[in-house]
Protein backbone atom coordinates (compact mmCIF):
# COMPACT_ATOMS: atom_id res chain seq x y z
CA MET A 1 103.52 71.74 175.50
CA THR A 2 103.92 74.92 173.46
CA PRO A 3 101.97 74.94 170.16
CA TYR A 4 104.03 75.00 167.00
CA PRO A 5 104.38 78.43 165.39
CA GLU A 6 102.08 78.94 162.45
CA GLU A 7 104.97 79.36 160.05
CA ALA A 8 106.70 76.08 160.98
CA PRO A 9 106.84 73.41 158.22
CA VAL A 10 104.41 71.07 159.93
CA LEU A 11 101.75 70.49 157.27
CA LEU A 12 101.50 67.10 155.56
CA VAL A 13 99.04 67.71 152.73
CA PRO A 14 97.20 64.88 150.95
CA LEU A 15 95.71 66.71 147.94
CA TYR A 16 93.84 64.07 145.98
CA GLU A 17 92.84 66.23 143.01
CA HIS A 18 94.12 66.27 139.46
CA PRO A 19 96.27 69.32 138.64
CA ALA A 20 94.17 69.96 135.54
CA ASP A 21 91.02 70.19 137.67
CA ARG A 22 92.44 72.22 140.56
CA PRO A 23 95.48 74.09 139.18
CA GLU A 24 95.02 76.93 141.67
CA ALA A 25 95.27 74.51 144.61
CA TRP A 26 98.53 73.04 143.35
CA GLU A 27 99.90 76.54 142.74
CA ARG A 28 99.01 77.44 146.32
CA LEU A 29 100.82 74.36 147.60
CA ILE A 30 103.96 75.22 145.67
CA ALA A 31 103.80 78.87 146.77
CA CYS A 32 103.57 77.73 150.41
CA ALA A 33 106.46 75.27 150.19
CA GLY A 34 108.06 76.64 153.34
CA ARG A 35 105.02 75.61 155.38
CA LEU A 36 105.01 72.00 154.16
CA HIS A 37 106.39 68.88 155.78
CA SER A 38 105.45 66.92 152.64
CA VAL A 39 102.75 66.41 150.00
CA VAL A 40 101.07 63.10 149.15
CA LEU A 41 100.89 62.44 145.41
CA ASN A 42 97.91 60.26 144.51
CA PRO A 43 97.13 60.15 140.76
CA ALA A 44 94.71 57.20 140.85
CA SER A 45 94.46 55.64 144.32
CA GLY A 46 98.13 54.98 143.74
CA PRO A 47 100.37 55.76 140.76
CA GLY A 48 97.85 54.50 138.22
CA THR A 49 98.59 52.28 135.23
CA ALA A 50 100.44 54.86 133.12
CA PRO A 51 102.39 58.05 133.82
CA ASP A 52 100.44 61.31 134.05
CA GLU A 53 102.47 64.28 132.84
CA ARG A 54 100.46 66.80 134.88
CA PHE A 55 101.25 65.01 138.12
CA ALA A 56 104.87 64.61 137.07
CA ALA A 57 105.09 68.36 136.49
CA VAL A 58 103.71 69.38 139.91
CA ALA A 59 105.85 66.74 141.61
CA ALA A 60 108.95 68.20 139.97
CA ARG A 61 108.04 71.72 141.05
CA LEU A 62 107.44 70.62 144.63
CA ARG A 63 110.79 68.84 144.76
CA GLU A 64 112.51 71.92 143.32
CA ALA A 65 110.89 73.92 146.13
CA GLY A 66 112.35 71.52 148.69
CA VAL A 67 109.12 69.67 149.53
CA PRO A 68 109.25 65.87 149.92
CA VAL A 69 106.83 64.16 147.52
CA LEU A 70 105.23 61.04 148.99
CA GLY A 71 103.84 58.46 146.59
CA TYR A 72 100.46 57.18 147.80
CA THR A 73 100.20 53.40 148.08
CA ASP A 74 97.31 51.50 149.67
CA THR A 75 98.30 48.49 151.81
CA ASP A 76 94.71 47.46 152.70
CA TYR A 77 95.66 46.72 156.31
CA GLY A 78 98.18 44.11 155.21
CA ARG A 79 95.85 42.28 152.84
CA ARG A 80 97.33 43.68 149.65
CA PRO A 81 100.10 41.43 148.24
CA HIS A 82 103.66 42.56 148.86
CA ALA A 83 104.46 42.51 145.13
CA ASP A 84 101.56 44.84 144.29
CA VAL A 85 102.63 47.38 146.90
CA VAL A 86 106.22 47.25 145.64
CA GLN A 87 105.03 47.77 142.06
CA ASP A 88 103.28 50.97 143.16
CA LEU A 89 106.40 52.16 144.97
CA LEU A 90 108.53 51.62 141.87
CA ARG A 91 106.01 53.36 139.60
CA HIS A 92 105.96 56.37 141.88
CA ARG A 93 109.74 56.48 141.71
CA ASP A 94 110.05 55.93 137.97
CA TRP A 95 107.12 58.04 136.78
CA TYR A 96 107.03 60.87 139.33
CA ARG A 97 110.47 60.71 140.97
CA ALA A 98 108.76 60.53 144.34
CA ASP A 99 111.35 60.74 147.09
CA GLY A 100 109.03 59.41 149.78
CA ALA A 101 106.21 56.93 150.34
CA PHE A 102 102.83 57.22 152.06
CA LEU A 103 101.60 53.73 152.93
CA ASP A 104 97.89 54.09 153.57
CA GLN A 105 95.57 51.82 155.55
CA ALA A 106 98.47 50.42 157.53
CA ALA A 107 97.57 47.73 160.05
CA PRO A 108 98.22 48.74 163.67
CA GLY A 109 98.67 45.35 165.35
CA PRO A 110 101.93 43.54 166.17
CA GLU A 111 101.12 40.46 164.10
CA LEU A 112 101.83 42.32 160.83
CA LEU A 113 105.06 44.00 161.91
CA PRO A 114 107.17 41.58 159.80
CA HIS A 115 105.05 42.32 156.72
CA TYR A 116 105.41 46.06 157.14
CA GLY A 117 109.08 45.64 157.92
CA ARG A 118 109.54 44.07 154.48
CA LEU A 119 107.53 46.87 152.89
CA ALA A 120 109.70 49.45 154.65
CA VAL A 121 112.84 47.82 153.26
CA ALA A 122 111.29 47.83 149.79
CA ALA A 123 110.28 51.49 150.11
CA ARG A 124 113.80 52.50 151.13
CA ALA A 125 115.24 50.47 148.25
CA ALA A 126 112.86 52.34 145.91
CA GLY A 127 114.37 55.62 147.07
CA ALA A 128 111.97 56.70 149.82
CA ARG A 129 113.90 59.10 152.04
CA THR A 130 110.66 59.87 153.92
CA LEU A 131 108.43 56.94 154.84
CA VAL A 132 104.98 57.53 156.35
CA LEU A 133 102.67 54.84 157.71
CA ASN A 134 99.03 55.88 157.98
CA HIS A 135 97.49 53.74 160.70
CA GLY A 136 94.89 56.35 161.62
CA VAL A 137 95.26 55.23 165.26
CA HIS A 138 98.18 54.68 167.59
CA PRO A 139 99.76 51.41 166.47
CA HIS A 140 101.99 48.93 168.25
CA PRO A 141 105.18 50.76 169.26
CA GLY A 142 107.26 48.52 167.00
CA TYR A 143 106.08 50.47 163.95
CA ALA A 144 108.03 53.52 165.11
CA ALA A 145 111.24 51.72 164.12
CA LEU A 146 110.02 51.26 160.55
CA ALA A 147 108.92 54.74 159.48
CA ASP A 148 109.90 58.38 159.77
CA LEU A 149 106.33 59.44 160.55
CA LEU A 150 103.29 57.63 161.91
CA VAL A 151 99.78 58.98 161.25
CA THR A 152 98.07 58.23 164.56
CA PHE A 153 94.77 60.00 163.88
CA GLU A 154 92.69 60.32 160.74
CA GLY A 155 89.08 61.31 161.09
CA PRO A 156 86.52 64.12 161.31
CA TRP A 157 86.92 67.25 163.37
CA ASP A 158 84.13 66.35 165.80
CA ALA A 159 85.91 63.15 166.81
CA TYR A 160 89.23 64.95 167.03
CA ARG A 161 87.84 67.83 169.08
CA ASP A 162 86.07 65.51 171.50
CA GLY A 163 88.91 63.02 171.87
CA THR A 164 90.11 62.76 175.44
CA ALA A 165 92.43 59.76 175.41
CA ALA A 166 96.05 60.60 176.16
CA PRO A 167 98.70 59.31 173.74
CA PRO A 168 100.07 55.93 174.83
CA PRO A 169 103.14 56.22 177.07
CA TRP A 170 105.53 54.81 174.44
CA THR A 171 105.08 57.90 172.27
CA ALA A 172 107.00 59.96 174.84
CA ASP A 173 110.13 58.06 173.80
CA HIS A 174 109.97 59.79 170.40
CA PRO A 175 109.89 63.45 169.37
CA ALA A 176 106.56 64.96 168.36
CA ASP A 177 107.68 65.32 164.75
CA ARG A 178 107.41 61.53 164.40
CA PHE A 179 103.61 61.71 164.68
CA CYS A 180 100.91 63.20 162.45
CA HIS A 181 97.18 63.91 162.78
CA LEU A 182 94.96 64.24 159.70
CA VAL A 183 91.61 65.93 160.32
CA TYR A 184 88.78 66.54 157.86
CA ALA A 185 85.43 68.34 158.11
CA ALA A 186 87.25 70.98 160.13
CA PRO A 187 85.70 74.44 160.45
CA PRO A 188 87.72 77.59 159.83
CA ASN A 189 89.84 78.57 162.82
CA ALA A 190 89.62 75.11 164.36
CA PRO A 191 92.55 74.90 166.83
CA THR A 192 94.02 71.83 165.17
CA ALA A 193 97.64 72.92 165.55
CA ARG A 194 97.18 73.54 169.27
CA LEU A 195 95.42 70.22 169.86
CA ALA A 196 98.00 68.34 167.81
CA ALA A 197 100.82 69.85 169.84
CA GLU A 198 99.06 69.04 173.10
CA ARG A 199 98.64 65.44 171.89
CA HIS A 200 102.31 65.05 170.93
CA ALA A 201 101.87 65.29 167.16
CA GLY A 202 104.26 67.70 165.48
CA VAL A 203 102.79 67.27 161.98
CA HIS A 204 99.16 67.79 161.04
CA CYS A 205 96.64 68.79 158.39
CA ALA A 206 93.06 70.03 158.82
CA VAL A 207 90.84 70.44 155.76
CA PRO A 208 87.20 71.48 155.27
CA GLY A 209 86.40 68.54 152.99
CA THR A 210 83.70 66.05 154.00
CA GLY A 211 82.09 62.86 152.76
CA ALA A 212 83.80 60.05 150.90
CA HIS A 213 86.44 62.36 149.38
CA PRO A 214 87.54 64.87 152.04
CA TRP A 215 91.11 65.18 150.80
CA GLY A 216 90.25 67.20 147.71
CA THR A 217 90.55 70.47 149.60
CA LEU A 218 93.50 72.48 150.87
CA PRO A 219 94.10 72.84 154.60
CA HIS A 220 92.62 75.93 156.19
CA ALA A 221 96.13 77.03 157.16
CA LEU A 222 97.07 77.46 153.50
CA GLU A 223 93.75 78.89 152.33
CA ALA A 224 94.17 81.61 154.96
CA THR A 225 97.39 82.75 153.32
CA GLY A 226 95.72 83.39 149.97
């Protein structure tokens, strides 16, 4: 499989930093709009309890630049009540005009497909034109019918680099741009794009961040353009 060209819009960026604390990072994101598949907006492990005008402002600028804005919502592997998830989806829509949804900690097994099917319907009803499920592993193939993009890897660079398992056969029934790999603790010049393409993932992000909060850093691919 041929690696994606560096300029292709294949970066899904979860930047979990406040615009007041990292204004230069948000400016870089907006300046690199043509490289972005989407950006995850995460004011407070979700939309928070009240609107934040700084996040609303960067969300508006990203949308104006043609970048889908995905509202972060934790599903706690199916344990979080449906109504609470829907409340987050509606707050993202009403406060930040998010036009997509990023459902984090999505369960991978078939037993919760009906639950996530209901959440997918609710997300679409809340205006999500782009729906992402972050399983972090390859889930049951039934989830591919629910979302536009499945995150099938999230983890550190060492685990990603050393991974040898081939994607499950069912993934070949879908184009690579339906799958995403999120990699943290990645060194500069790590061949993430090449490995993602070889592993049938057309969307990716590799950041240098480590520890409990790795997604407070920009991907190397964008830092290199500065």
